């Protein structure tokens, strides 16, 4: 069984448990995740989200900004540098 097949077969409960374990850096039994386990869990969470969730439901999703021009509203990516300049 390969990695992609495992991801396709993963149920939402396992996905949520992996995600929570990453957030807390420990397994449900309290044991700490090793660096290798964190990397594998993160890869599995990202792959699961890519396979099963829409883009706006995925971890790290940032909604694109909107710019109002004389031609109407234009969606554009958020520039984090501009956000930091405005708030500093």
PDB file of N, CA and C in Angstrom:
ATOM      1  N   UNK A   1       0.844  -1.168   0.000  1.00  0.00           N
ATOM      2  CA  UNK A   1       0.000   0.000   0.000  1.00  0.00           C
ATOM      3  C   UNK A   1       0.896   1.241   0.000  1.00  0.00           C
ATOM      4  N   UNK A   2       0.635   2.167  -0.932  1.00  0.00           N
ATOM      5  CA  UNK A   2       1.469   3.367  -1.012  1.00  0.00           C
ATOM      6  C   UNK A   2       0.842   4.540  -0.256  1.00  0.00           C
ATOM      7  N   UNK A   3       1.597   5.605  -0.128  1.00  0.00           N
ATOM      8  CA  UNK A   3       1.194   6.775   0.642  1.00  0.00           C
ATOM      9  C   UNK A   3      -0.104   7.376   0.109  1.00  0.00           C
ATOM     10  N   UNK A   4      -0.208   7.559  -1.200  1.00  0.00           N
ATOM     11  CA  UNK A   4      -1.406   8.169  -1.783  1.00  0.00           C
ATOM     12  C   UNK A   4      -2.653   7.326  -1.524  1.00  0.00           C
ATOM     13  N   UNK A   5      -2.505   6.018  -1.576  1.00  0.00           N
ATOM     14  CA  UNK A   5      -3.641   5.140  -1.286  1.00  0.00           C
ATOM     15  C   UNK A   5      -4.067   5.291   0.171  1.00  0.00           C
ATOM     16  N   UNK A   6      -3.111   5.382   1.070  1.00  0.00           N
ATOM     17  CA  UNK A   6      -3.429   5.579   2.489  1.00  0.00           C
ATOM     18  C   UNK A   6      -4.173   6.897   2.707  1.00  0.00           C
ATOM     19  N   UNK A   7      -3.744   7.950   2.038  1.00  0.00           N
ATOM     20  CA  UNK A   7      -4.390   9.254   2.182  1.00  0.00           C
ATOM     21  C   UNK A   7      -5.823   9.191   1.672  1.00  0.00           C
ATOM     22  N   UNK A   8      -6.037   8.539   0.544  1.00  0.00           N
ATOM     23  CA  UNK A   8      -7.393   8.419  -0.010  1.00  0.00           C
ATOM     24  C   UNK A   8      -8.304   7.626   0.914  1.00  0.00           C
ATOM     25  N   UNK A   9      -7.746   6.677   1.652  1.00  0.00           N
ATOM     26  CA  UNK A   9      -8.533   5.832   2.551  1.00  0.00           C
ATOM     27  C   UNK A   9      -8.666   6.425   3.963  1.00  0.00           C
ATOM     28  N   UNK A  10      -7.912   7.476   4.273  1.00  0.00           N
ATOM     29  CA  UNK A  10      -7.934   8.053   5.614  1.00  0.00           C
ATOM     30  C   UNK A  10      -9.305   8.651   5.909  1.00  0.00           C
ATOM     31  N   UNK A  11      -9.818   8.362   7.099  1.00  0.00           N
ATOM     32  CA  UNK A  11     -11.118   8.923   7.458  1.00  0.00           C
ATOM     33  C   UNK A  11     -10.924  10.263   8.176  1.00  0.00           C
ATOM     34  N   UNK A  12     -11.981  11.079   8.263  1.00  0.00           N
ATOM     35  CA  UNK A  12     -11.871  12.407   8.876  1.00  0.00           C
ATOM     36  C   UNK A  12     -11.415  12.372  10.338  1.00  0.00           C
ATOM     37  N   UNK A  13     -11.756  11.328  11.073  1.00  0.00           N
ATOM     38  CA  UNK A  13     -11.343  11.239  12.467  1.00  0.00           C
ATOM     39  C   UNK A  13      -9.826  11.099  12.598  1.00  0.00           C
ATOM     40  N   UNK A  14      -9.225  10.289  11.744  1.00  0.00           N
ATOM     41  CA  UNK A  14      -7.769  10.124  11.765  1.00  0.00           C
ATOM     42  C   UNK A  14      -7.103  11.434  11.359  1.00  0.00           C
ATOM     43  N   UNK A  15      -7.636  12.084  10.341  1.00  0.00           N
ATOM     44  CA  UNK A  15      -7.112  13.383   9.908  1.00  0.00           C
ATOM     45  C   UNK A  15      -7.139  14.378  11.064  1.00  0.00           C
ATOM     46  N   UNK A  16      -8.276  14.485  11.760  1.00  0.00           N
ATOM     47  CA  UNK A  16      -8.395  15.422  12.871  1.00  0.00           C
ATOM     48  C   UNK A  16      -7.412  15.090  13.999  1.00  0.00           C
ATOM     49  N   UNK A  17      -7.214  13.795  14.257  1.00  0.00           N
ATOM     50  CA  UNK A  17      -6.287  13.395  15.311  1.00  0.00           C
ATOM     51  C   UNK A  17      -4.850  13.746  14.942  1.00  0.00           C
ATOM     52  N   UNK A  18      -4.475  13.526  13.694  1.00  0.00           N
ATOM     53  CA  UNK A  18      -3.130  13.906  13.244  1.00  0.00           C
ATOM     54  C   UNK A  18      -2.931  15.418  13.343  1.00  0.00           C
ATOM     55  N   UNK A  19      -3.931  16.154  12.935  1.00  0.00           N
ATOM     56  CA  UNK A  19      -3.854  17.614  12.975  1.00  0.00           C
ATOM     57  C   UNK A  19      -3.730  18.105  14.421  1.00  0.00           C
ATOM     58  N   UNK A  20      -4.521  17.535  15.320  1.00  0.00           N
ATOM     59  CA  UNK A  20      -4.443  17.927  16.727  1.00  0.00           C
ATOM     60  C   UNK A  20      -3.097  17.535  17.338  1.00  0.00           C
ATOM     61  N   UNK A  21      -2.601  16.372  16.969  1.00  0.00           N
ATOM     62  CA  UNK A  21      -1.293  15.944  17.482  1.00  0.00           C
ATOM     63  C   UNK A  21      -0.198  16.905  17.039  1.00  0.00           C
ATOM     64  N   UNK A  22      -0.283  17.383  15.804  1.00  0.00           N
ATOM     65  CA  UNK A  22       0.683  18.377  15.328  1.00  0.00           C
ATOM     66  C   UNK A  22       0.555  19.680  16.102  1.00  0.00           C
ATOM     67  N   UNK A  23      -0.662  20.125  16.347  1.00  0.00           N
ATOM     68  CA  UNK A  23      -0.878  21.379  17.064  1.00  0.00           C
ATOM     69  C   UNK A  23      -0.311  21.320  18.479  1.00  0.00           C
ATOM     70  N   UNK A  24      -0.468  20.161  19.134  1.00  0.00           N
ATOM     71  CA  UNK A  24      -0.030  20.014  20.516  1.00  0.00           C
ATOM     72  C   UNK A  24       1.378  19.449  20.649  1.00  0.00           C
ATOM     73  N   UNK A  25       1.936  18.950  19.539  1.00  0.00           N
ATOM     74  CA  UNK A  25       3.250  18.286  19.513  1.00  0.00           C
ATOM     75  C   UNK A  25       3.296  17.046  20.406  1.00  0.00           C
ATOM     76  N   UNK A  26       2.135  16.404  20.538  1.00  0.00           N
ATOM     77  CA  UNK A  26       2.111  15.149  21.298  1.00  0.00           C
ATOM     78  C   UNK A  26       0.945  14.282  20.824  1.00  0.00           C
ATOM     79  N   UNK A  27       1.117  12.982  21.032  1.00  0.00           N
ATOM     80  CA  UNK A  27       0.087  12.006  20.696  1.00  0.00           C
ATOM     81  C   UNK A  27      -1.011  12.052  21.751  1.00  0.00           C
ATOM     82  N   UNK A  28      -2.167  11.469  21.459  1.00  0.00           N
ATOM     83  CA  UNK A  28      -3.259  11.457  22.446  1.00  0.00           C
ATOM     84  C   UNK A  28      -2.864  10.833  23.793  1.00  0.00           C
ATOM     85  N   UNK A  29      -1.886   9.927  23.792  1.00  0.00           N
ATOM     86  CA  UNK A  29      -1.453   9.303  25.048  1.00  0.00           C
ATOM     87  C   UNK A  29      -0.458  10.173  25.820  1.00  0.00           C
ATOM     88  N   UNK A  30      -0.137  11.360  25.279  1.00  0.00           N
ATOM     89  CA  UNK A  30       0.769  12.287  25.959  1.00  0.00           C
ATOM     90  C   UNK A  30       2.218  12.208  25.521  1.00  0.00           C
ATOM     91  N   UNK A  31       2.577  11.198  24.758  1.00  0.00           N
ATOM     92  CA  UNK A  31       3.959  11.058  24.281  1.00  0.00           C
ATOM     93  C   UNK A  31       4.261  12.147  23.251  1.00  0.00           C
ATOM     94  N   UNK A  32       5.443  12.732  23.351  1.00  0.00           N
ATOM     95  CA  UNK A  32       5.859  13.775  22.420  1.00  0.00           C
ATOM     96  C   UNK A  32       6.118  13.209  21.032  1.00  0.00           C
ATOM     97  N   UNK A  33       5.796  13.999  20.012  1.00  0.00           N
ATOM     98  CA  UNK A  33       6.118  13.620  18.647  1.00  0.00           C
ATOM     99  C   UNK A  33       7.595  13.894  18.393  1.00  0.00           C
ATOM    100  N   UNK A  34       8.256  12.998  17.709  1.00  0.00           N
ATOM    101  CA  UNK A  34       9.624  13.247  17.286  1.00  0.00           C
ATOM    102  C   UNK A  34       9.584  14.170  16.066  1.00  0.00           C
ATOM    103  N   UNK A  35      10.710  14.724  15.692  1.00  0.00           N
ATOM    104  CA  UNK A  35      10.769  15.587  14.515  1.00  0.00           C
ATOM    105  C   UNK A  35      10.317  14.816  13.275  1.00  0.00           C
ATOM    106  N   UNK A  36      10.738  13.574  13.148  1.00  0.00           N
ATOM    107  CA  UNK A  36      10.346  12.764  11.993  1.00  0.00           C
ATOM    108  C   UNK A  36       8.834  12.517  11.988  1.00  0.00           C
ATOM    109  N   UNK A  37       8.248  12.256  13.155  1.00  0.00           N
ATOM    110  CA  UNK A  37       6.804  12.048  13.237  1.00  0.00           C
ATOM    111  C   UNK A  37       6.047  13.325  12.868  1.00  0.00           C
ATOM    112  N   UNK A  38       6.558  14.474  13.300  1.00  0.00           N
ATOM    113  CA  UNK A  38       5.933  15.748  12.948  1.00  0.00           C
ATOM    114  C   UNK A  38       5.933  15.947  11.435  1.00  0.00           C
ATOM    115  N   UNK A  39       7.063  15.634  10.808  1.00  0.00           N
ATOM    116  CA  UNK A  39       7.176  15.811   9.361  1.00  0.00           C
ATOM    117  C   UNK A  39       6.215  14.888   8.618  1.00  0.00           C
ATOM    118  N   UNK A  40       6.124  13.638   9.059  1.00  0.00           N
ATOM    119  CA  UNK A  40       5.229  12.674   8.406  1.00  0.00           C
ATOM    120  C   UNK A  40       3.776  13.064   8.620  1.00  0.00           C
ATOM    121  N   UNK A  41       3.429  13.475   9.842  1.00  0.00           N
ATOM    122  CA  UNK A  41       2.057  13.914  10.133  1.00  0.00           C
ATOM    123  C   UNK A  41       1.691  15.131   9.294  1.00  0.00           C
ATOM    124  N   UNK A  42       2.610  16.086   9.202  1.00  0.00           N
ATOM    125  CA  UNK A  42       2.343  17.288   8.425  1.00  0.00           C
ATOM    126  C   UNK A  42       2.138  16.941   6.950  1.00  0.00           C
ATOM    127  N   UNK A  43       2.960  16.056   6.437  1.00  0.00           N
ATOM    128  CA  UNK A  43       2.811  15.626   5.048  1.00  0.00           C
ATOM    129  C   UNK A  43       1.457  14.955   4.840  1.00  0.00           C
ATOM    130  N   UNK A  44       1.044  14.119   5.792  1.00  0.00           N
ATOM    131  CA  UNK A  44      -0.244  13.428   5.688  1.00  0.00           C
ATOM    132  C   UNK A  44      -1.405  14.412   5.771  1.00  0.00           C
ATOM    133  N   UNK A  45      -1.332  15.385   6.675  1.00  0.00           N
ATOM    134  CA  UNK A  45      -2.394  16.381   6.818  1.00  0.00           C
ATOM    135  C   UNK A  45      -2.524  17.203   5.537  1.00  0.00           C
ATOM    136  N   UNK A  46      -1.412  17.657   4.998  1.00  0.00           N
ATOM    137  CA  UNK A  46      -1.428  18.446   3.766  1.00  0.00           C
ATOM    138  C   UNK A  46      -1.983  17.618   2.605  1.00  0.00           C
ATOM    139  N   UNK A  47      -1.550  16.383   2.490  1.00  0.00           N
ATOM    140  CA  UNK A  47      -2.033  15.513   1.403  1.00  0.00           C
ATOM    141  C   UNK A  47      -3.525  15.229   1.553  1.00  0.00           C
ATOM    142  N   UNK A  48      -3.966  14.979   2.790  1.00  0.00           N
ATOM    143  CA  UNK A  48      -5.394  14.729   3.034  1.00  0.00           C
ATOM    144  C   UNK A  48      -6.211  15.951   2.621  1.00  0.00           C
ATOM    145  N   UNK A  49      -5.780  17.123   3.068  1.00  0.00           N
ATOM    146  CA  UNK A  49      -6.504  18.347   2.743  1.00  0.00           C
ATOM    147  C   UNK A  49      -6.544  18.587   1.240  1.00  0.00           C
ATOM    148  N   UNK A  50      -5.437  18.341   0.562  1.00  0.00           N
ATOM    149  CA  UNK A  50      -5.390  18.523  -0.890  1.00  0.00           C
ATOM    150  C   UNK A  50      -6.355  17.571  -1.596  1.00  0.00           C
ATOM    151  N   UNK A  51      -6.498  16.362  -1.064  1.00  0.00           N
ATOM    152  CA  UNK A  51      -7.352  15.342  -1.676  1.00  0.00           C
ATOM    153  C   UNK A  51      -8.826  15.518  -1.329  1.00  0.00           C
ATOM    154  N   UNK A  52      -9.121  15.904  -0.087  1.00  0.00           N
ATOM    155  CA  UNK A  52     -10.490  15.856   0.409  1.00  0.00           C
ATOM    156  C   UNK A  52     -11.160  17.207   0.675  1.00  0.00           C
ATOM    157  N   UNK A  53     -10.408  18.284   0.764  1.00  0.00           N
ATOM    158  CA  UNK A  53     -10.987  19.573   1.126  1.00  0.00           C
ATOM    159  C   UNK A  53     -10.846  20.589   0.000  1.00  0.00           C
ATOM    160  N   UNK A  54     -11.726  21.577   0.002  1.00  0.00           N
ATOM    161  CA  UNK A  54     -11.593  22.659  -0.965  1.00  0.00           C
ATOM    162  C   UNK A  54     -10.464  23.582  -0.503  1.00  0.00           C
ATOM    163  N   UNK A  55      -9.994  24.400  -1.403  1.00  0.00           N
ATOM    164  CA  UNK A  55      -8.840  25.262  -1.100  1.00  0.00           C
ATOM    165  C   UNK A  55      -9.076  26.123   0.136  1.00  0.00           C
ATOM    166  N   UNK A  56     -10.276  26.680   0.272  1.00  0.00           N
ATOM    167  CA  UNK A  56     -10.536  27.578   1.397  1.00  0.00           C
ATOM    168  C   UNK A  56     -10.697  26.857   2.731  1.00  0.00           C
ATOM    169  N   UNK A  57     -10.732  25.530   2.738  1.00  0.00           N
ATOM    170  CA  UNK A  57     -10.818  24.751   3.972  1.00  0.00           C
ATOM    171  C   UNK A  57      -9.458  24.242   4.439  1.00  0.00           C
ATOM    172  N   UNK A  58      -8.442  24.419   3.633  1.00  0.00           N
ATOM    173  CA  UNK A  58      -7.119  23.872   3.934  1.00  0.00           C
ATOM    174  C   UNK A  58      -6.349  24.718   4.936  1.00  0.00           C
ATOM    175  N   UNK A  59      -5.459  24.064   5.667  1.00  0.00           N
ATOM    176  CA  UNK A  59      -4.590  24.747   6.618  1.00  0.00           C
ATOM    177  C   UNK A  59      -3.741  25.775   5.876  1.00  0.00           C
ATOM    178  N   UNK A  60      -3.659  26.970   6.439  1.00  0.00           N
ATOM    179  CA  UNK A  60      -2.825  28.009   5.854  1.00  0.00           C
ATOM    180  C   UNK A  60      -3.496  28.830   4.783  1.00  0.00           C
ATOM    181  N   UNK A  61      -4.778  28.583   4.509  1.00  0.00           N
ATOM    182  CA  UNK A  61      -5.473  29.327   3.468  1.00  0.00           C
ATOM    183  C   UNK A  61      -5.601  30.794   3.866  1.00  0.00           C
ATOM    184  N   UNK A  62      -5.284  31.680   2.948  1.00  0.00           N
ATOM    185  CA  UNK A  62      -5.460  33.117   3.146  1.00  0.00           C
ATOM    186  C   UNK A  62      -6.327  33.605   2.001  1.00  0.00           C
ATOM    187  N   UNK A  63      -7.451  34.217   2.360  1.00  0.00           N
ATOM    188  CA  UNK A  63      -8.348  34.724   1.331  1.00  0.00           C
ATOM    189  C   UNK A  63      -7.667  35.851   0.567  1.00  0.00           C
ATOM    190  N   UNK A  64      -7.852  35.853  -0.726  1.00  0.00           N
ATOM    191  CA  UNK A  64      -7.251  36.895  -1.549  1.00  0.00           C
ATOM    192  C   UNK A  64      -7.939  38.220  -1.278  1.00  0.00           C
ATOM    193  N   UNK A  65      -7.165  39.263  -1.338  1.00  0.00           N
ATOM    194  CA  UNK A  65      -7.701  40.596  -1.110  1.00  0.00           C
ATOM    195  C   UNK A  65      -8.453  41.109  -2.323  1.00  0.00           C
ATOM    196  N   UNK A  66      -9.121  42.219  -2.154  1.00  0.00           N
ATOM    197  CA  UNK A  66      -9.858  42.844  -3.249  1.00  0.00           C
ATOM    198  C   UNK A  66      -9.362  44.270  -3.406  1.00  0.00           C
ATOM    199  N   UNK A  67      -9.324  44.708  -4.623  1.00  0.00           N
ATOM    200  CA  UNK A  67      -8.904  46.070  -4.914  1.00  0.00           C
ATOM    201  C   UNK A  67     -10.007  46.709  -5.750  1.00  0.00           C
ATOM    202  N   UNK A  68     -10.461  47.856  -5.322  1.00  0.00           N
ATOM    203  CA  UNK A  68     -11.507  48.548  -6.061  1.00  0.00           C
ATOM    204  C   UNK A  68     -10.824  49.513  -7.026  1.00  0.00           C
ATOM    205  N   UNK A  69     -11.125  49.321  -8.300  1.00  0.00           N
ATOM    206  CA  UNK A  69     -10.552  50.175  -9.339  1.00  0.00           C
ATOM    207  C   UNK A  69     -11.695  50.813 -10.122  1.00  0.00           C
ATOM    208  N   UNK A  70     -11.355  51.647 -11.088  1.00  0.00           N
ATOM    209  CA  UNK A  70     -12.395  52.252 -11.927  1.00  0.00           C
ATOM    210  C   UNK A  70     -13.084  51.213 -12.810  1.00  0.00           C
ATOM    211  N   UNK A  71     -12.501  50.022 -12.894  1.00  0.00           N
ATOM    212  CA  UNK A  71     -13.098  48.934 -13.667  1.00  0.00           C
ATOM    213  C   UNK A  71     -13.909  47.986 -12.788  1.00  0.00           C
ATOM    214  N   UNK A  72     -14.010  48.288 -11.498  1.00  0.00           N
ATOM    215  CA  UNK A  72     -14.763  47.445 -10.574  1.00  0.00           C
ATOM    216  C   UNK A  72     -13.848  46.816  -9.542  1.00  0.00           C
ATOM    217  N   UNK A  73     -14.352  45.756  -8.934  1.00  0.00           N
ATOM    218  CA  UNK A  73     -13.596  45.055  -7.896  1.00  0.00           C
ATOM    219  C   UNK A  73     -12.726  43.998  -8.554  1.00  0.00           C
ATOM    220  N   UNK A  74     -11.441  44.022  -8.238  1.00  0.00           N
ATOM    221  CA  UNK A  74     -10.484  43.070  -8.786  1.00  0.00           C
ATOM    222  C   UNK A  74      -9.885  42.284  -7.628  1.00  0.00           C
ATOM    223  N   UNK A  75      -9.950  40.961  -7.709  1.00  0.00           N
ATOM    224  CA  UNK A  75      -9.323  40.138  -6.676  1.00  0.00           C
ATOM    225  C   UNK A  75      -7.828  40.082  -6.947  1.00  0.00           C
ATOM    226  N   UNK A  76      -7.064  40.127  -5.887  1.00  0.00           N
ATOM    227  CA  UNK A  76      -5.610  40.039  -6.027  1.00  0.00           C
ATOM    228  C   UNK A  76      -5.051  39.373  -4.786  1.00  0.00           C
ATOM    229  N   UNK A  77      -3.894  38.761  -4.896  1.00  0.00           N
ATOM    230  CA  UNK A  77      -3.275  38.144  -3.715  1.00  0.00           C
ATOM    231  C   UNK A  77      -2.937  39.198  -2.668  1.00  0.00           C
ATOM    232  N   UNK A  78      -2.998  38.792  -1.419  1.00  0.00           N
ATOM    233  CA  UNK A  78      -2.614  39.676  -0.326  1.00  0.00           C
ATOM    234  C   UNK A  78      -1.096  39.768  -0.298  1.00  0.00           C
ATOM    235  N   UNK A  79      -0.574  40.950  -0.208  1.00  0.00           N
ATOM    236  CA  UNK A  79       0.851  41.169  -0.095  1.00  0.00           C
ATOM    237  C   UNK A  79       1.159  41.408   1.378  1.00  0.00           C
ATOM    238  N   UNK A  80       1.757  40.427   2.045  1.00  0.00           N
ATOM    239  CA  UNK A  80       2.023  40.542   3.481  1.00  0.00           C
ATOM    240  C   UNK A  80       2.951  41.692   3.810  1.00  0.00           C
ATOM    241  N   UNK A  81       3.815  42.063   2.913  1.00  0.00           N
ATOM    242  CA  UNK A  81       4.710  43.196   3.155  1.00  0.00           C
ATOM    243  C   UNK A  81       3.898  44.476   3.287  1.00  0.00           C
ATOM    244  N   UNK A  82       2.881  44.653   2.425  1.00  0.00           N
ATOM    245  CA  UNK A  82       2.026  45.825   2.519  1.00  0.00           C
ATOM    246  C   UNK A  82       1.264  45.846   3.841  1.00  0.00           C
ATOM    247  N   UNK A  83       0.783  44.693   4.281  1.00  0.00           N
ATOM    248  CA  UNK A  83       0.050  44.607   5.543  1.00  0.00           C
ATOM    249  C   UNK A  83       0.970  44.993   6.699  1.00  0.00           C
ATOM    250  N   UNK A  84       2.198  44.490   6.682  1.00  0.00           N
ATOM    251  CA  UNK A  84       3.137  44.814   7.756  1.00  0.00           C
ATOM    252  C   UNK A  84       3.481  46.290   7.768  1.00  0.00           C
ATOM    253  N   UNK A  85       3.600  46.900   6.579  1.00  0.00           N
ATOM    254  CA  UNK A  85       3.926  48.335   6.493  1.00  0.00           C
ATOM    255  C   UNK A  85       2.790  49.188   7.050  1.00  0.00           C
ATOM    256  N   UNK A  86       1.550  48.804   6.793  1.00  0.00           N
ATOM    257  CA  UNK A  86       0.398  49.560   7.255  1.00  0.00           C
ATOM    258  C   UNK A  86       0.254  49.484   8.762  1.00  0.00           C
ATOM    259  N   UNK A  87       0.545  48.312   9.378  1.00  0.00           N
ATOM    260  CA  UNK A  87       0.331  48.103  10.796  1.00  0.00           C
ATOM    261  C   UNK A  87       1.535  48.439  11.664  1.00  0.00           C
ATOM    262  N   UNK A  88       2.635  48.860  11.072  1.00  0.00           N
ATOM    263  CA  UNK A  88       3.835  49.130  11.894  1.00  0.00           C
ATOM    264  C   UNK A  88       3.958  50.586  12.229  1.00  0.00           C
TER     265      UNK A  88
END
